[in-house]
């Protein structure tokens, strides 16, 4: 199993968000070769601006592990995390972050990787075209 495999799982979550009228972002957290959390944006459904896919997945993974740190875990997310999510990823000490499409407007890379834990490895651009197309299609239907 590789990064594309798990990113496809995150894309499936993003499609669920799309179908629910949410901004289509999906996240999957893997520990070893085991998926321990999956989530997608829920801001509209929950009336909660913090209900981003990454935050929801981190909370579920921490609950699953019974721990507040996600060391030795990889977070796959279809869109570059925002600053809020990058902060949560940093506090959770996620070992590896893999994202699909970049976000030139709100992505954490605009501020810098210092928001993440110093040991967090970052890999961007995995299935970027598919991830980007889903977000662009969503906003075309909304405008």
C-alpha atoms as a PDB file:
ATOM      1  CA  UNK A   1       0.000   0.000   0.000  1.00  0.00           C
ATOM      2  CA  UNK A   2       1.347   3.385  -0.941  1.00  0.00           C
ATOM      3  CA  UNK A   3       0.466   7.066  -0.700  1.00  0.00           C
ATOM      4  CA  UNK A   4      -1.829   6.936  -3.742  1.00  0.00           C
ATOM      5  CA  UNK A   5      -3.809   4.069  -2.221  1.00  0.00           C
ATOM      6  CA  UNK A   6      -4.577   6.012   0.948  1.00  0.00           C
ATOM      7  CA  UNK A   7      -5.128   9.271  -0.939  1.00  0.00           C
ATOM      8  CA  UNK A   8      -7.817   7.481  -2.968  1.00  0.00           C
ATOM      9  CA  UNK A   9      -9.491   6.639   0.339  1.00  0.00           C
ATOM     10  CA  UNK A  10      -9.313  10.325   1.302  1.00  0.00           C
ATOM     11  CA  UNK A  11     -10.795  11.206  -2.103  1.00  0.00           C
ATOM     12  CA  UNK A  12     -13.722   8.870  -1.387  1.00  0.00           C
ATOM     13  CA  UNK A  13     -14.307  10.824   1.834  1.00  0.00           C
ATOM     14  CA  UNK A  14     -14.082  14.100  -0.108  1.00  0.00           C
ATOM     15  CA  UNK A  15     -16.711  12.840  -2.555  1.00  0.00           C
ATOM     16  CA  UNK A  16     -19.010  12.105   0.386  1.00  0.00           C
ATOM     17  CA  UNK A  17     -18.528  15.702   1.533  1.00  0.00           C
ATOM     18  CA  UNK A  18     -19.310  16.910  -2.001  1.00  0.00           C
ATOM     19  CA  UNK A  19     -22.531  14.880  -2.040  1.00  0.00           C
ATOM     20  CA  UNK A  20     -23.517  16.411   1.310  1.00  0.00           C
ATOM     21  CA  UNK A  21     -22.933  19.962   0.049  1.00  0.00           C
ATOM     22  CA  UNK A  22     -19.728  20.351   2.056  1.00  0.00           C
ATOM     23  CA  UNK A  23     -16.464  21.647   0.630  1.00  0.00           C
ATOM     24  CA  UNK A  24     -15.017  18.357  -0.652  1.00  0.00           C
ATOM     25  CA  UNK A  25     -12.054  17.636   1.563  1.00  0.00           C
ATOM     26  CA  UNK A  26     -11.384  14.169   2.926  1.00  0.00           C
ATOM     27  CA  UNK A  27      -8.836  12.844   5.392  1.00  0.00           C
ATOM     28  CA  UNK A  28      -7.542   9.420   6.404  1.00  0.00           C
ATOM     29  CA  UNK A  29      -5.118   8.609   9.220  1.00  0.00           C
ATOM     30  CA  UNK A  30      -2.981   5.483   9.024  1.00  0.00           C
ATOM     31  CA  UNK A  31      -0.929   3.836  11.754  1.00  0.00           C
ATOM     32  CA  UNK A  32       1.360   1.163  10.347  1.00  0.00           C
ATOM     33  CA  UNK A  33      -0.774  -0.305   7.568  1.00  0.00           C
ATOM     34  CA  UNK A  34      -4.028   0.162   9.477  1.00  0.00           C
ATOM     35  CA  UNK A  35      -6.552   2.918   8.818  1.00  0.00           C
ATOM     36  CA  UNK A  36      -7.504   4.276  12.230  1.00  0.00           C
ATOM     37  CA  UNK A  37      -9.657   7.251  11.177  1.00  0.00           C
ATOM     38  CA  UNK A  38     -11.516   8.624   8.172  1.00  0.00           C
ATOM     39  CA  UNK A  39     -13.416  11.902   7.971  1.00  0.00           C
ATOM     40  CA  UNK A  40     -14.603  14.643   5.675  1.00  0.00           C
ATOM     41  CA  UNK A  41     -15.604  18.257   6.119  1.00  0.00           C
ATOM     42  CA  UNK A  42     -18.657  18.729   8.308  1.00  0.00           C
ATOM     43  CA  UNK A  43     -18.824  22.494   8.785  1.00  0.00           C
ATOM     44  CA  UNK A  44     -22.269  22.896   7.227  1.00  0.00           C
ATOM     45  CA  UNK A  45     -23.813  19.795   8.794  1.00  0.00           C
ATOM     46  CA  UNK A  46     -22.477  20.563  12.257  1.00  0.00           C
ATOM     47  CA  UNK A  47     -22.691  24.371  12.030  1.00  0.00           C
ATOM     48  CA  UNK A  48     -19.080  24.424  13.193  1.00  0.00           C
ATOM     49  CA  UNK A  49     -16.328  26.320  11.375  1.00  0.00           C
ATOM     50  CA  UNK A  50     -13.717  24.066  13.013  1.00  0.00           C
ATOM     51  CA  UNK A  51     -15.219  20.829  11.636  1.00  0.00           C
ATOM     52  CA  UNK A  52     -12.572  20.435   8.939  1.00  0.00           C
ATOM     53  CA  UNK A  53     -11.736  16.925   7.732  1.00  0.00           C
ATOM     54  CA  UNK A  54      -8.312  17.009   9.377  1.00  0.00           C
ATOM     55  CA  UNK A  55      -9.651  18.057  12.784  1.00  0.00           C
ATOM     56  CA  UNK A  56     -12.391  15.416  12.666  1.00  0.00           C
ATOM     57  CA  UNK A  57      -9.902  12.703  11.656  1.00  0.00           C
ATOM     58  CA  UNK A  58      -7.382  13.720  14.343  1.00  0.00           C
ATOM     59  CA  UNK A  59     -10.081  13.573  17.023  1.00  0.00           C
ATOM     60  CA  UNK A  60     -11.250  10.139  15.831  1.00  0.00           C
ATOM     61  CA  UNK A  61      -7.688   8.780  15.655  1.00  0.00           C
ATOM     62  CA  UNK A  62      -6.820  10.026  19.129  1.00  0.00           C
ATOM     63  CA  UNK A  63      -9.983   8.396  20.463  1.00  0.00           C
ATOM     64  CA  UNK A  64      -9.141   5.141  18.657  1.00  0.00           C
ATOM     65  CA  UNK A  65      -5.614   5.079  20.089  1.00  0.00           C
ATOM     66  CA  UNK A  66      -6.577   6.423  23.502  1.00  0.00           C
ATOM     67  CA  UNK A  67      -3.803   8.990  23.209  1.00  0.00           C
ATOM     68  CA  UNK A  68      -3.430  12.649  22.327  1.00  0.00           C
ATOM     69  CA  UNK A  69      -0.335  12.233  20.166  1.00  0.00           C
ATOM     70  CA  UNK A  70      -0.295  10.651  16.720  1.00  0.00           C
ATOM     71  CA  UNK A  71       3.370   9.816  16.492  1.00  0.00           C
ATOM     72  CA  UNK A  72       3.994   7.034  13.986  1.00  0.00           C
ATOM     73  CA  UNK A  73       0.835   8.054  12.090  1.00  0.00           C
ATOM     74  CA  UNK A  74       0.369   9.448   8.595  1.00  0.00           C
ATOM     75  CA  UNK A  75      -2.414  11.906   7.777  1.00  0.00           C
ATOM     76  CA  UNK A  76      -3.636  11.870   4.169  1.00  0.00           C
ATOM     77  CA  UNK A  77      -5.748  14.852   3.168  1.00  0.00           C
ATOM     78  CA  UNK A  78      -6.997  15.877  -0.266  1.00  0.00           C
ATOM     79  CA  UNK A  79      -6.304  19.601   0.154  1.00  0.00           C
ATOM     80  CA  UNK A  80      -3.336  21.354   1.742  1.00  0.00           C
ATOM     81  CA  UNK A  81      -4.327  22.023   5.360  1.00  0.00           C
ATOM     82  CA  UNK A  82      -5.235  25.530   6.476  1.00  0.00           C
ATOM     83  CA  UNK A  83      -3.382  27.251   9.298  1.00  0.00           C
ATOM     84  CA  UNK A  84      -5.884  26.036  11.906  1.00  0.00           C
ATOM     85  CA  UNK A  85      -5.505  22.428  10.814  1.00  0.00           C
ATOM     86  CA  UNK A  86      -1.726  22.701  10.548  1.00  0.00           C
ATOM     87  CA  UNK A  87      -1.683  23.855  14.161  1.00  0.00           C
ATOM     88  CA  UNK A  88      -3.725  20.824  15.205  1.00  0.00           C
ATOM     89  CA  UNK A  89      -1.481  18.530  13.158  1.00  0.00           C
ATOM     90  CA  UNK A  90       1.512  20.042  14.931  1.00  0.00           C
ATOM     91  CA  UNK A  91       0.012  19.719  18.413  1.00  0.00           C
ATOM     92  CA  UNK A  92      -0.981  16.109  17.680  1.00  0.00           C
ATOM     93  CA  UNK A  93       2.618  15.418  16.599  1.00  0.00           C
ATOM     94  CA  UNK A  94       1.554  13.659  13.409  1.00  0.00           C
ATOM     95  CA  UNK A  95       4.669  12.002  11.999  1.00  0.00           C
ATOM     96  CA  UNK A  96       3.823  12.411   8.342  1.00  0.00           C
ATOM     97  CA  UNK A  97       1.472  14.652   6.374  1.00  0.00           C
ATOM     98  CA  UNK A  98       0.555  13.781   2.798  1.00  0.00           C
ATOM     99  CA  UNK A  99      -1.726  16.142   0.902  1.00  0.00           C
ATOM    100  CA  UNK A 100      -3.139  16.257  -2.594  1.00  0.00           C
ATOM    101  CA  UNK A 101      -3.895  19.678  -4.031  1.00  0.00           C
ATOM    102  CA  UNK A 102      -2.119  22.795  -2.860  1.00  0.00           C
ATOM    103  CA  UNK A 103      -4.158  25.735  -1.571  1.00  0.00           C
ATOM    104  CA  UNK A 104      -2.594  29.014  -2.639  1.00  0.00           C
ATOM    105  CA  UNK A 105      -5.169  31.106  -0.754  1.00  0.00           C
ATOM    106  CA  UNK A 106      -5.497  29.411   2.632  1.00  0.00           C
ATOM    107  CA  UNK A 107      -2.861  26.677   2.794  1.00  0.00           C
ATOM    108  CA  UNK A 108      -0.429  26.540   5.693  1.00  0.00           C
ATOM    109  CA  UNK A 109       2.575  26.512   3.326  1.00  0.00           C
ATOM    110  CA  UNK A 110       1.929  30.259   2.835  1.00  0.00           C
ATOM    111  CA  UNK A 111       2.932  30.733   6.470  1.00  0.00           C
ATOM    112  CA  UNK A 112       5.536  27.983   6.591  1.00  0.00           C
ATOM    113  CA  UNK A 113       6.126  24.510   7.878  1.00  0.00           C
ATOM    114  CA  UNK A 114       7.120  25.821  11.296  1.00  0.00           C
ATOM    115  CA  UNK A 115       3.470  25.346  12.300  1.00  0.00           C
ATOM    116  CA  UNK A 116       3.984  21.588  12.208  1.00  0.00           C
ATOM    117  CA  UNK A 117       5.945  19.490  14.657  1.00  0.00           C
ATOM    118  CA  UNK A 118       9.654  19.705  13.747  1.00  0.00           C
ATOM    119  CA  UNK A 119       9.793  15.953  12.995  1.00  0.00           C
ATOM    120  CA  UNK A 120       6.730  15.925  10.717  1.00  0.00           C
ATOM    121  CA  UNK A 121       7.570  14.857   7.190  1.00  0.00           C
ATOM    122  CA  UNK A 122       5.499  16.589   4.474  1.00  0.00           C
ATOM    123  CA  UNK A 123       4.692  15.279   1.014  1.00  0.00           C
ATOM    124  CA  UNK A 124       2.433  17.390  -1.198  1.00  0.00           C
ATOM    125  CA  UNK A 125       0.981  16.813  -4.644  1.00  0.00           C
ATOM    126  CA  UNK A 126      -0.191  13.200  -4.348  1.00  0.00           C
ATOM    127  CA  UNK A 127      -3.059  12.790  -6.867  1.00  0.00           C
ATOM    128  CA  UNK A 128      -3.084  16.568  -7.041  1.00  0.00           C
ATOM    129  CA  UNK A 129      -5.065  16.774 -10.290  1.00  0.00           C
ATOM    130  CA  UNK A 130      -7.904  14.594  -9.011  1.00  0.00           C
ATOM    131  CA  UNK A 131      -8.032  16.395  -5.677  1.00  0.00           C
ATOM    132  CA  UNK A 132      -7.944  19.830  -7.306  1.00  0.00           C
ATOM    133  CA  UNK A 133     -10.589  18.975  -9.907  1.00  0.00           C
ATOM    134  CA  UNK A 134     -13.043  17.881  -7.218  1.00  0.00           C
ATOM    135  CA  UNK A 135     -12.706  21.186  -5.346  1.00  0.00           C
ATOM    136  CA  UNK A 136     -12.899  23.259  -8.539  1.00  0.00           C
ATOM    137  CA  UNK A 137     -15.998  21.388  -9.727  1.00  0.00           C
ATOM    138  CA  UNK A 138     -17.658  21.943  -6.362  1.00  0.00           C
ATOM    139  CA  UNK A 139     -17.160  25.702  -6.506  1.00  0.00           C
ATOM    140  CA  UNK A 140     -18.258  25.886 -10.170  1.00  0.00           C
ATOM    141  CA  UNK A 141     -21.634  24.475  -9.136  1.00  0.00           C
ATOM    142  CA  UNK A 142     -21.915  26.957  -6.269  1.00  0.00           C
ATOM    143  CA  UNK A 143     -21.170  30.115  -8.252  1.00  0.00           C
END
